[in-house]
Amino acid sequence: LQNRQVQPEQLSQYFIDAASIPAEELNWVAAAVEYRLVVNYPNRRILNPQKTATVAEVAAFVYQGWCNPVECQV
């Protein structure tokens, strides 16, 4: 998790609810943002970090990790 472009202190630029991300998870969320793994629907500025992910959300995370965003078009 070193030498990343997105740093934990920058998460508020991406999510209006970044302050509710648990401190121990900040690095992981920053890495997920950098690698475009985070899928927020319908509002991409709200992460809802305290909410349990649905099966559909987890499927979207897995797809984002598997697929190069430039090559894979939905």
Protein backbone atom coordinates (compact mmCIF):
# COMPACT_ATOMS: atom_id res chain seq x y z
CA LEU A 1 0.00 0.00 0.00
CA GLN A 2 2.95 2.30 -0.50
CA ASN A 3 3.57 4.79 -3.31
CA ARG A 4 -0.12 5.25 -4.04
CA GLN A 5 -1.63 8.16 -5.91
CA VAL A 6 -4.70 8.39 -3.64
CA GLN A 7 -3.84 8.99 0.01
CA PRO A 8 -6.24 8.43 2.94
CA GLU A 9 -6.38 12.16 3.72
CA GLN A 10 -7.72 12.77 0.19
CA LEU A 11 -10.80 10.57 0.58
CA SER A 12 -12.98 13.56 1.47
CA GLN A 13 -12.43 14.74 -2.12
CA TYR A 14 -14.14 11.55 -3.31
CA PHE A 15 -16.79 10.90 -0.65
CA ILE A 16 -18.92 13.33 1.34
CA ASP A 17 -19.13 10.74 4.14
CA ALA A 18 -15.36 10.00 4.26
CA ALA A 19 -15.23 11.01 7.93
CA SER A 20 -17.28 7.91 8.80
CA ILE A 21 -14.68 5.51 7.34
CA PRO A 22 -13.05 3.65 10.26
CA ALA A 23 -9.43 4.77 10.76
CA GLU A 24 -8.08 1.23 10.36
CA GLU A 25 -9.72 0.98 6.92
CA LEU A 26 -8.58 4.31 5.42
CA ASN A 27 -5.56 2.87 3.59
CA TRP A 28 -7.62 0.06 2.10
CA VAL A 29 -10.36 2.40 0.92
CA ALA A 30 -7.77 4.74 -0.62
CA ALA A 31 -6.24 1.80 -2.49
CA ALA A 32 -9.67 0.65 -3.69
CA VAL A 33 -10.41 4.17 -4.96
CA GLU A 34 -7.08 4.34 -6.78
CA TYR A 35 -7.65 1.00 -8.48
CA ARG A 36 -11.25 1.94 -9.32
CA LEU A 37 -12.76 -0.92 -7.35
CA VAL A 38 -15.37 1.21 -5.61
CA VAL A 39 -18.80 1.25 -7.23
CA ASN A 40 -21.31 3.63 -5.65
CA TYR A 41 -24.80 3.67 -7.08
CA PRO A 42 -26.82 5.85 -7.38
CA ASN A 43 -24.59 8.56 -5.86
CA ARG A 44 -20.87 8.05 -6.41
CA ARG A 45 -20.01 10.68 -3.75
CA ILE A 46 -21.59 8.60 -0.95
CA LEU A 47 -19.65 5.53 0.22
CA ASN A 48 -21.87 4.43 3.15
CA PRO A 49 -18.90 2.75 4.90
CA GLN A 50 -21.01 1.63 7.87
CA LYS A 51 -23.53 -0.20 5.66
CA THR A 52 -23.18 -3.90 4.89
CA ALA A 53 -22.50 -4.47 1.18
CA THR A 54 -25.18 -6.24 -0.83
CA VAL A 55 -24.46 -9.23 -3.06
CA ALA A 56 -24.83 -6.96 -6.10
CA GLU A 57 -22.31 -4.46 -4.69
CA VAL A 58 -19.78 -7.21 -3.98
CA ALA A 59 -20.29 -8.56 -7.51
CA ALA A 60 -19.57 -5.08 -8.88
CA PHE A 61 -16.37 -4.84 -6.78
CA VAL A 62 -15.21 -8.22 -8.09
CA TYR A 63 -15.99 -7.22 -11.67
CA GLN A 64 -14.09 -3.94 -11.28
CA GLY A 65 -11.06 -5.85 -10.00
CA TRP A 66 -11.22 -8.39 -12.79
CA CYS A 67 -11.84 -6.00 -15.64
CA ASN A 68 -9.59 -3.29 -17.06
CA PRO A 69 -11.90 -0.23 -17.15
CA VAL A 70 -10.56 0.86 -20.54
CA GLU A 71 -11.05 -2.53 -22.21
CA CYS A 72 -14.30 -3.68 -20.58
CA GLN A 73 -17.40 -1.78 -21.55
CA VAL A 74 -20.74 -2.60 -19.94
